[in-house]
C-alpha atoms as a PDB file:
ATOM      1  CA  UNK A   1     123.630 120.170  93.812  1.00  0.00           C
ATOM      2  CA  UNK A   2     125.050 123.674  93.499  1.00  0.00           C
ATOM      3  CA  UNK A   3     126.437 125.185  90.311  1.00  0.00           C
ATOM      4  CA  UNK A   4     129.810 126.942  90.172  1.00  0.00           C
ATOM      5  CA  UNK A   5     132.181 127.986  87.388  1.00  0.00           C
ATOM      6  CA  UNK A   6     135.831 128.624  86.624  1.00  0.00           C
ATOM      7  CA  UNK A   7     137.813 130.304  83.884  1.00  0.00           C
ATOM      8  CA  UNK A   8     140.404 128.503  81.782  1.00  0.00           C
ATOM      9  CA  UNK A   9     141.921 130.492  78.974  1.00  0.00           C
ATOM     10  CA  UNK A  10     139.130 132.415  77.269  1.00  0.00           C
ATOM     11  CA  UNK A  11     136.464 129.843  78.186  1.00  0.00           C
ATOM     12  CA  UNK A  12     134.175 129.549  81.195  1.00  0.00           C
ATOM     13  CA  UNK A  13     133.324 126.082  82.494  1.00  0.00           C
ATOM     14  CA  UNK A  14     130.357 125.379  84.760  1.00  0.00           C
ATOM     15  CA  UNK A  15     130.447 122.475  87.187  1.00  0.00           C
ATOM     16  CA  UNK A  16     127.948 121.031  89.640  1.00  0.00           C
ATOM     17  CA  UNK A  17     128.944 120.134  93.185  1.00  0.00           C
ATOM     18  CA  UNK A  18     127.499 117.007  94.723  1.00  0.00           C
ATOM     19  CA  UNK A  19     128.114 116.544  98.448  1.00  0.00           C
ATOM     20  CA  UNK A  20     128.556 112.859  99.234  1.00  0.00           C
ATOM     21  CA  UNK A  21     127.258 111.709 102.633  1.00  0.00           C
ATOM     22  CA  UNK A  22     129.734 108.834 102.714  1.00  0.00           C
ATOM     23  CA  UNK A  23     133.221 108.299 104.089  1.00  0.00           C
ATOM     24  CA  UNK A  24     134.722 110.018 101.098  1.00  0.00           C
ATOM     25  CA  UNK A  25     138.278 111.134 101.762  1.00  0.00           C
ATOM     26  CA  UNK A  26     138.910 113.363  98.776  1.00  0.00           C
ATOM     27  CA  UNK A  27     137.258 115.430  96.090  1.00  0.00           C
ATOM     28  CA  UNK A  28     136.553 113.573  92.831  1.00  0.00           C
ATOM     29  CA  UNK A  29     136.035 115.318  89.494  1.00  0.00           C
ATOM     30  CA  UNK A  30     134.088 113.747  86.610  1.00  0.00           C
ATOM     31  CA  UNK A  31     133.654 114.821  82.992  1.00  0.00           C
ATOM     32  CA  UNK A  32     130.728 112.928  81.526  1.00  0.00           C
ATOM     33  CA  UNK A  33     130.216 111.897  77.867  1.00  0.00           C
ATOM     34  CA  UNK A  34     127.985 114.917  77.237  1.00  0.00           C
ATOM     35  CA  UNK A  35     130.701 117.277  78.493  1.00  0.00           C
ATOM     36  CA  UNK A  36     129.045 118.008  81.849  1.00  0.00           C
ATOM     37  CA  UNK A  37     131.380 118.453  84.818  1.00  0.00           C
ATOM     38  CA  UNK A  38     130.487 117.084  88.254  1.00  0.00           C
ATOM     39  CA  UNK A  39     132.519 117.432  91.431  1.00  0.00           C
ATOM     40  CA  UNK A  40     131.854 114.940  94.231  1.00  0.00           C
ATOM     41  CA  UNK A  41     132.962 116.374  97.553  1.00  0.00           C
ATOM     42  CA  UNK A  42     132.747 114.987 101.097  1.00  0.00           C
ATOM     43  CA  UNK A  43     130.064 116.619 103.213  1.00  0.00           C
ATOM     44  CA  UNK A  44     131.413 119.682 104.929  1.00  0.00           C
ATOM     45  CA  UNK A  45     133.882 120.584 102.175  1.00  0.00           C
ATOM     46  CA  UNK A  46     134.148 124.364 101.842  1.00  0.00           C
ATOM     47  CA  UNK A  47     133.704 126.058  98.457  1.00  0.00           C
ATOM     48  CA  UNK A  48     137.260 127.484  98.414  1.00  0.00           C
ATOM     49  CA  UNK A  49     138.647 123.984  99.014  1.00  0.00           C
ATOM     50  CA  UNK A  50     136.520 122.565  96.201  1.00  0.00           C
ATOM     51  CA  UNK A  51     137.437 125.345  93.776  1.00  0.00           C
ATOM     52  CA  UNK A  52     141.126 124.884  94.559  1.00  0.00           C
ATOM     53  CA  UNK A  53     140.833 121.190  93.597  1.00  0.00           C
ATOM     54  CA  UNK A  54     138.979 122.117  90.401  1.00  0.00           C
ATOM     55  CA  UNK A  55     141.516 124.754  89.377  1.00  0.00           C
ATOM     56  CA  UNK A  56     144.351 122.320  90.026  1.00  0.00           C
ATOM     57  CA  UNK A  57     142.871 120.048  87.343  1.00  0.00           C
ATOM     58  CA  UNK A  58     141.525 122.782  85.064  1.00  0.00           C
ATOM     59  CA  UNK A  59     143.714 121.767  82.134  1.00  0.00           C
ATOM     60  CA  UNK A  60     142.597 118.133  82.404  1.00  0.00           C
ATOM     61  CA  UNK A  61     138.950 119.213  82.677  1.00  0.00           C
ATOM     62  CA  UNK A  62     139.147 121.513  79.641  1.00  0.00           C
ATOM     63  CA  UNK A  63     140.786 118.803  77.529  1.00  0.00           C
ATOM     64  CA  UNK A  64     138.211 116.179  78.472  1.00  0.00           C
ATOM     65  CA  UNK A  65     135.278 118.540  77.902  1.00  0.00           C
ATOM     66  CA  UNK A  66     136.606 119.323  74.430  1.00  0.00           C
ATOM     67  CA  UNK A  67     137.081 115.629  73.645  1.00  0.00           C
ATOM     68  CA  UNK A  68     133.542 114.857  74.841  1.00  0.00           C
ATOM     69  CA  UNK A  69     132.088 117.585  72.626  1.00  0.00           C
ATOM     70  CA  UNK A  70     134.024 116.319  69.632  1.00  0.00           C
ATOM     71  CA  UNK A  71     132.806 112.745  70.200  1.00  0.00           C
ATOM     72  CA  UNK A  72     129.210 113.943  70.369  1.00  0.00           C
ATOM     73  CA  UNK A  73     129.486 115.375  66.866  1.00  0.00           C
ATOM     74  CA  UNK A  74     130.513 111.947  65.551  1.00  0.00           C
ATOM     75  CA  UNK A  75     127.989 109.660  67.227  1.00  0.00           C
ATOM     76  CA  UNK A  76     124.807 111.289  65.937  1.00  0.00           C
ATOM     77  CA  UNK A  77     123.196 109.767  64.021  1.00  0.00           C
ATOM     78  CA  UNK A  78     124.335 106.153  64.376  1.00  0.00           C
ATOM     79  CA  UNK A  79     125.455 104.525  61.155  1.00  0.00           C
ATOM     80  CA  UNK A  80     126.223 101.034  62.532  1.00  0.00           C
ATOM     81  CA  UNK A  81     129.524 100.772  60.747  1.00  0.00           C
ATOM     82  CA  UNK A  82     132.932  99.562  61.913  1.00  0.00           C
ATOM     83  CA  UNK A  83     134.786 102.175  63.935  1.00  0.00           C
ATOM     84  CA  UNK A  84     131.805 103.608  65.801  1.00  0.00           C
ATOM     85  CA  UNK A  85     131.784 103.667  69.599  1.00  0.00           C
ATOM     86  CA  UNK A  86     128.979 101.975  71.529  1.00  0.00           C
ATOM     87  CA  UNK A  87     128.511 101.742  75.283  1.00  0.00           C
ATOM     88  CA  UNK A  88     127.943  98.640  77.388  1.00  0.00           C
ATOM     89  CA  UNK A  89     127.904  98.731  81.216  1.00  0.00           C
ATOM     90  CA  UNK A  90     129.453 102.167  81.187  1.00  0.00           C
ATOM     91  CA  UNK A  91     132.414 101.351  78.972  1.00  0.00           C
ATOM     92  CA  UNK A  92     132.924 102.478  75.407  1.00  0.00           C
ATOM     93  CA  UNK A  93     133.523  99.696  72.854  1.00  0.00           C
ATOM     94  CA  UNK A  94     134.550 100.024  69.219  1.00  0.00           C
ATOM     95  CA  UNK A  95     132.144  98.385  66.787  1.00  0.00           C
ATOM     96  CA  UNK A  96     133.572  95.852  64.333  1.00  0.00           C
ATOM     97  CA  UNK A  97     131.218  94.483  61.670  1.00  0.00           C
ATOM     98  CA  UNK A  98     131.947  91.248  59.803  1.00  0.00           C
ATOM     99  CA  UNK A  99     129.798  90.113  56.881  1.00  0.00           C
ATOM    100  CA  UNK A 100     129.765  86.325  56.541  1.00  0.00           C
ATOM    101  CA  UNK A 101     127.226  84.043  54.901  1.00  0.00           C
ATOM    102  CA  UNK A 102     128.719  81.057  56.730  1.00  0.00           C
ATOM    103  CA  UNK A 103     127.714  82.116  60.245  1.00  0.00           C
ATOM    104  CA  UNK A 104     124.559  82.705  62.211  1.00  0.00           C
ATOM    105  CA  UNK A 105     124.120  86.367  63.247  1.00  0.00           C
ATOM    106  CA  UNK A 106     126.030  87.020  66.466  1.00  0.00           C
ATOM    107  CA  UNK A 107     127.229  89.843  68.719  1.00  0.00           C
ATOM    108  CA  UNK A 108     130.198  89.365  71.034  1.00  0.00           C
ATOM    109  CA  UNK A 109     132.450  91.441  73.251  1.00  0.00           C
ATOM    110  CA  UNK A 110     136.001  90.539  72.333  1.00  0.00           C
ATOM    111  CA  UNK A 111     139.183  92.323  73.451  1.00  0.00           C
ATOM    112  CA  UNK A 112     137.479  95.689  73.910  1.00  0.00           C
ATOM    113  CA  UNK A 113     135.536  95.465  70.670  1.00  0.00           C
ATOM    114  CA  UNK A 114     131.849  94.870  70.035  1.00  0.00           C
ATOM    115  CA  UNK A 115     131.970  92.390  67.156  1.00  0.00           C
ATOM    116  CA  UNK A 116     128.893  91.813  65.017  1.00  0.00           C
ATOM    117  CA  UNK A 117     128.770  88.978  62.499  1.00  0.00           C
ATOM    118  CA  UNK A 118     125.832  88.848  60.080  1.00  0.00           C
ATOM    119  CA  UNK A 119     125.131  87.979  56.472  1.00  0.00           C
ATOM    120  CA  UNK A 120     125.400  91.582  55.325  1.00  0.00           C
ATOM    121  CA  UNK A 121     126.972  94.742  56.697  1.00  0.00           C
ATOM    122  CA  UNK A 122     123.855  96.733  55.811  1.00  0.00           C
ATOM    123  CA  UNK A 123     123.274  99.131  58.762  1.00  0.00           C
ATOM    124  CA  UNK A 124     119.669  98.079  59.324  1.00  0.00           C
ATOM    125  CA  UNK A 125     120.689  94.443  59.714  1.00  0.00           C
ATOM    126  CA  UNK A 126     123.584  95.322  62.038  1.00  0.00           C
ATOM    127  CA  UNK A 127     121.324  97.536  64.141  1.00  0.00           C
ATOM    128  CA  UNK A 128     118.721  94.769  64.497  1.00  0.00           C
ATOM    129  CA  UNK A 129     121.365  92.307  65.708  1.00  0.00           C
ATOM    130  CA  UNK A 130     122.699  94.810  68.234  1.00  0.00           C
ATOM    131  CA  UNK A 131     119.261  95.754  69.556  1.00  0.00           C
ATOM    132  CA  UNK A 132     118.494  92.076  70.143  1.00  0.00           C
ATOM    133  CA  UNK A 133     121.834  91.559  71.896  1.00  0.00           C
ATOM    134  CA  UNK A 134     121.415  94.600  74.140  1.00  0.00           C
ATOM    135  CA  UNK A 135     117.890  93.528  75.042  1.00  0.00           C
ATOM    136  CA  UNK A 136     118.990  89.985  75.949  1.00  0.00           C
ATOM    137  CA  UNK A 137     121.851  91.309  78.090  1.00  0.00           C
ATOM    138  CA  UNK A 138     119.534  93.842  79.706  1.00  0.00           C
ATOM    139  CA  UNK A 139     116.995  91.176  80.647  1.00  0.00           C
ATOM    140  CA  UNK A 140     119.669  89.055  82.312  1.00  0.00           C
ATOM    141  CA  UNK A 141     121.475  91.853  84.156  1.00  0.00           C
ATOM    142  CA  UNK A 142     118.360  93.759  85.229  1.00  0.00           C
ATOM    143  CA  UNK A 143     116.782  90.609  86.664  1.00  0.00           C
ATOM    144  CA  UNK A 144     119.895  89.828  88.696  1.00  0.00           C
ATOM    145  CA  UNK A 145     120.224  93.399  90.003  1.00  0.00           C
ATOM    146  CA  UNK A 146     116.500  93.621  90.778  1.00  0.00           C
ATOM    147  CA  UNK A 147     116.657  90.441  92.839  1.00  0.00           C
ATOM    148  CA  UNK A 148     119.731  91.665  94.705  1.00  0.00           C
ATOM    149  CA  UNK A 149     118.339  95.136  95.419  1.00  0.00           C
ATOM    150  CA  UNK A 150     114.836  93.957  96.302  1.00  0.00           C
ATOM    151  CA  UNK A 151     116.295  91.488  98.797  1.00  0.00           C
ATOM    152  CA  UNK A 152     117.700  94.374 100.851  1.00  0.00           C
ATOM    153  CA  UNK A 153     114.432  96.296 101.193  1.00  0.00           C
ATOM    154  CA  UNK A 154     112.034  95.492 104.018  1.00  0.00           C
ATOM    155  CA  UNK A 155     108.803  96.485 102.263  1.00  0.00           C
ATOM    156  CA  UNK A 156     109.481  94.242  99.240  1.00  0.00           C
ATOM    157  CA  UNK A 157     108.292  90.757 100.203  1.00  0.00           C
ATOM    158  CA  UNK A 158     108.868  89.168  96.790  1.00  0.00           C
ATOM    159  CA  UNK A 159     110.802  90.159  93.688  1.00  0.00           C
ATOM    160  CA  UNK A 160     108.558  92.377  91.509  1.00  0.00           C
ATOM    161  CA  UNK A 161     107.795  91.492  87.929  1.00  0.00           C
ATOM    162  CA  UNK A 162     110.175  93.020  85.398  1.00  0.00           C
ATOM    163  CA  UNK A 163     109.268  94.394  81.981  1.00  0.00           C
ATOM    164  CA  UNK A 164     111.557  95.914  79.333  1.00  0.00           C
ATOM    165  CA  UNK A 165     110.254  98.877  77.357  1.00  0.00           C
ATOM    166  CA  UNK A 166     112.286 101.093  75.042  1.00  0.00           C
ATOM    167  CA  UNK A 167     111.640 104.729  75.958  1.00  0.00           C
ATOM    168  CA  UNK A 168     113.051 107.939  74.500  1.00  0.00           C
ATOM    169  CA  UNK A 169     113.407 109.917  77.738  1.00  0.00           C
ATOM    170  CA  UNK A 170     112.733 107.664  80.729  1.00  0.00           C
ATOM    171  CA  UNK A 171     115.026 105.098  82.331  1.00  0.00           C
ATOM    172  CA  UNK A 172     112.258 103.334  84.182  1.00  0.00           C
ATOM    173  CA  UNK A 173     108.853 103.449  85.806  1.00  0.00           C
ATOM    174  CA  UNK A 174     106.674 101.503  88.209  1.00  0.00           C
ATOM    175  CA  UNK A 175     103.189 100.448  87.168  1.00  0.00           C
ATOM    176  CA  UNK A 176     100.144 100.618  89.446  1.00  0.00           C
ATOM    177  CA  UNK A 177     100.274  96.815  89.693  1.00  0.00           C
ATOM    178  CA  UNK A 178     103.862  96.917  90.989  1.00  0.00           C
ATOM    179  CA  UNK A 179     105.675  95.873  87.806  1.00  0.00           C
ATOM    180  CA  UNK A 180     109.123  97.448  87.403  1.00  0.00           C
ATOM    181  CA  UNK A 181     109.557  98.760  83.848  1.00  0.00           C
ATOM    182  CA  UNK A 182     113.112  99.422  82.663  1.00  0.00           C
ATOM    183  CA  UNK A 183     114.530 100.855  79.465  1.00  0.00           C
ATOM    184  CA  UNK A 184     116.877  98.303  77.801  1.00  0.00           C
ATOM    185  CA  UNK A 185     119.193 101.204  76.848  1.00  0.00           C
ATOM    186  CA  UNK A 186     120.030 101.395  80.569  1.00  0.00           C
ATOM    187  CA  UNK A 187     122.306  98.354  80.138  1.00  0.00           C
ATOM    188  CA  UNK A 188     124.733 100.712  78.393  1.00  0.00           C
ATOM    189  CA  UNK A 189     125.262 102.587  81.678  1.00  0.00           C
ATOM    190  CA  UNK A 190     127.422 101.718  84.684  1.00  0.00           C
ATOM    191  CA  UNK A 191     126.151  99.001  87.015  1.00  0.00           C
ATOM    192  CA  UNK A 192     125.757 101.550  89.791  1.00  0.00           C
ATOM    193  CA  UNK A 193     123.472 103.587  87.520  1.00  0.00           C
ATOM    194  CA  UNK A 194     121.382 100.494  86.860  1.00  0.00           C
ATOM    195  CA  UNK A 195     121.130  99.908  90.603  1.00  0.00           C
ATOM    196  CA  UNK A 196     120.056 103.520  91.136  1.00  0.00           C
ATOM    197  CA  UNK A 197     117.189 103.312  88.621  1.00  0.00           C
ATOM    198  CA  UNK A 198     116.031  99.987  90.066  1.00  0.00           C
ATOM    199  CA  UNK A 199     116.154 101.368  93.610  1.00  0.00           C
ATOM    200  CA  UNK A 200     114.277 104.477  92.494  1.00  0.00           C
ATOM    201  CA  UNK A 201     111.433 102.328  91.183  1.00  0.00           C
ATOM    202  CA  UNK A 202     111.477 100.033  94.218  1.00  0.00           C
ATOM    203  CA  UNK A 203     111.038 103.083  96.437  1.00  0.00           C
ATOM    204  CA  UNK A 204     107.927 103.923  94.436  1.00  0.00           C
ATOM    205  CA  UNK A 205     106.408 100.663  95.654  1.00  0.00           C
ATOM    206  CA  UNK A 206     106.310 102.309  99.081  1.00  0.00           C
ATOM    207  CA  UNK A 207     106.007 105.984  98.160  1.00  0.00           C
ATOM    208  CA  UNK A 208     104.087 106.557  94.924  1.00  0.00           C
ATOM    209  CA  UNK A 209     105.264 110.130  94.426  1.00  0.00           C
ATOM    210  CA  UNK A 210     108.437 112.133  94.907  1.00  0.00           C
ATOM    211  CA  UNK A 211     107.646 113.203  98.435  1.00  0.00           C
ATOM    212  CA  UNK A 212     110.255 113.928 101.137  1.00  0.00           C
ATOM    213  CA  UNK A 213     109.594 110.393 102.428  1.00  0.00           C
ATOM    214  CA  UNK A 214     110.506 108.995  99.005  1.00  0.00           C
ATOM    215  CA  UNK A 215     113.850 110.806  98.998  1.00  0.00           C
ATOM    216  CA  UNK A 216     114.548 109.739 102.574  1.00  0.00           C
ATOM    217  CA  UNK A 217     114.276 106.126 101.463  1.00  0.00           C
ATOM    218  CA  UNK A 218     116.625 106.783  98.528  1.00  0.00           C
ATOM    219  CA  UNK A 219     119.102 108.435 100.899  1.00  0.00           C
ATOM    220  CA  UNK A 220     118.903 105.522 103.290  1.00  0.00           C
ATOM    221  CA  UNK A 221     119.480 102.792 100.713  1.00  0.00           C
ATOM    222  CA  UNK A 222     121.905 104.673  98.394  1.00  0.00           C
ATOM    223  CA  UNK A 223     123.434 107.695 100.132  1.00  0.00           C
ATOM    224  CA  UNK A 224     125.370 108.710  97.011  1.00  0.00           C
ATOM    225  CA  UNK A 225     122.407 108.465  94.614  1.00  0.00           C
ATOM    226  CA  UNK A 226     122.697 112.142  93.588  1.00  0.00           C
ATOM    227  CA  UNK A 227     126.197 111.574  92.297  1.00  0.00           C
ATOM    228  CA  UNK A 228     125.117 108.404  90.489  1.00  0.00           C
ATOM    229  CA  UNK A 229     122.129 110.193  88.952  1.00  0.00           C
ATOM    230  CA  UNK A 230     124.466 112.931  87.736  1.00  0.00           C
ATOM    231  CA  UNK A 231     126.639 110.319  86.034  1.00  0.00           C
ATOM    232  CA  UNK A 232     123.606 108.744  84.375  1.00  0.00           C
ATOM    233  CA  UNK A 233     122.237 112.108  83.230  1.00  0.00           C
ATOM    234  CA  UNK A 234     125.671 112.890  81.804  1.00  0.00           C
ATOM    235  CA  UNK A 235     125.505 109.787  79.603  1.00  0.00           C
ATOM    236  CA  UNK A 236     121.903 110.119  78.459  1.00  0.00           C
ATOM    237  CA  UNK A 237     122.631 111.964  75.214  1.00  0.00           C
ATOM    238  CA  UNK A 238     124.906 109.158  74.061  1.00  0.00           C
ATOM    239  CA  UNK A 239     123.270 105.980  75.336  1.00  0.00           C
ATOM    240  CA  UNK A 240     119.660 106.810  74.529  1.00  0.00           C
ATOM    241  CA  UNK A 241     120.606 106.939  70.840  1.00  0.00           C
ATOM    242  CA  UNK A 242     119.427 103.741  69.160  1.00  0.00           C
END
């Protein structure tokens, strides 16, 4: 990725350019939840062409960067009260907490809201219910995506074992025994981001370091992985918050 900048009003905005080795037909601009700006451009796109596209949407970019920065000030630290925003599979959902002594604790996605029902609205109790729900969803989704991704790779003869481990800075790792370890917080990211992390670890089954051979395998199995990684990095400050 290369880093460029543009001026809008009295502010300077930096953006990274990611060249996509796919059949992309146009330049796509993303503003991530942490306020980072990424421009996906087809291979061969000239810098003046890219900057022209960025300047054309400069007002939209500035507005979305400002909104992202404002949201960041409200999500830290989590209070686990109604009205907060929480991510699941890349989408933001509003938290709605219901205290009811008549129901078993439950977490459901309903009409764009993440609804938590428990005996008390005390934040620690709500948080525990949500952590359990995220972990259960992560186990189910990660297993399905691991099976699907592993089935496409020639050097993987059987689906690796999967382990969930909450980590503060890592999305995943691969143990010396071949177990794929994934952070349950990853279920808050887009499916494509989940696939990228899984593929990254599957490539480590063949190449145990980040050698040129390792990156060639990533390029071969997910040509747009750099763009996907940028999206995931742009969400990390919001979805790694427990």
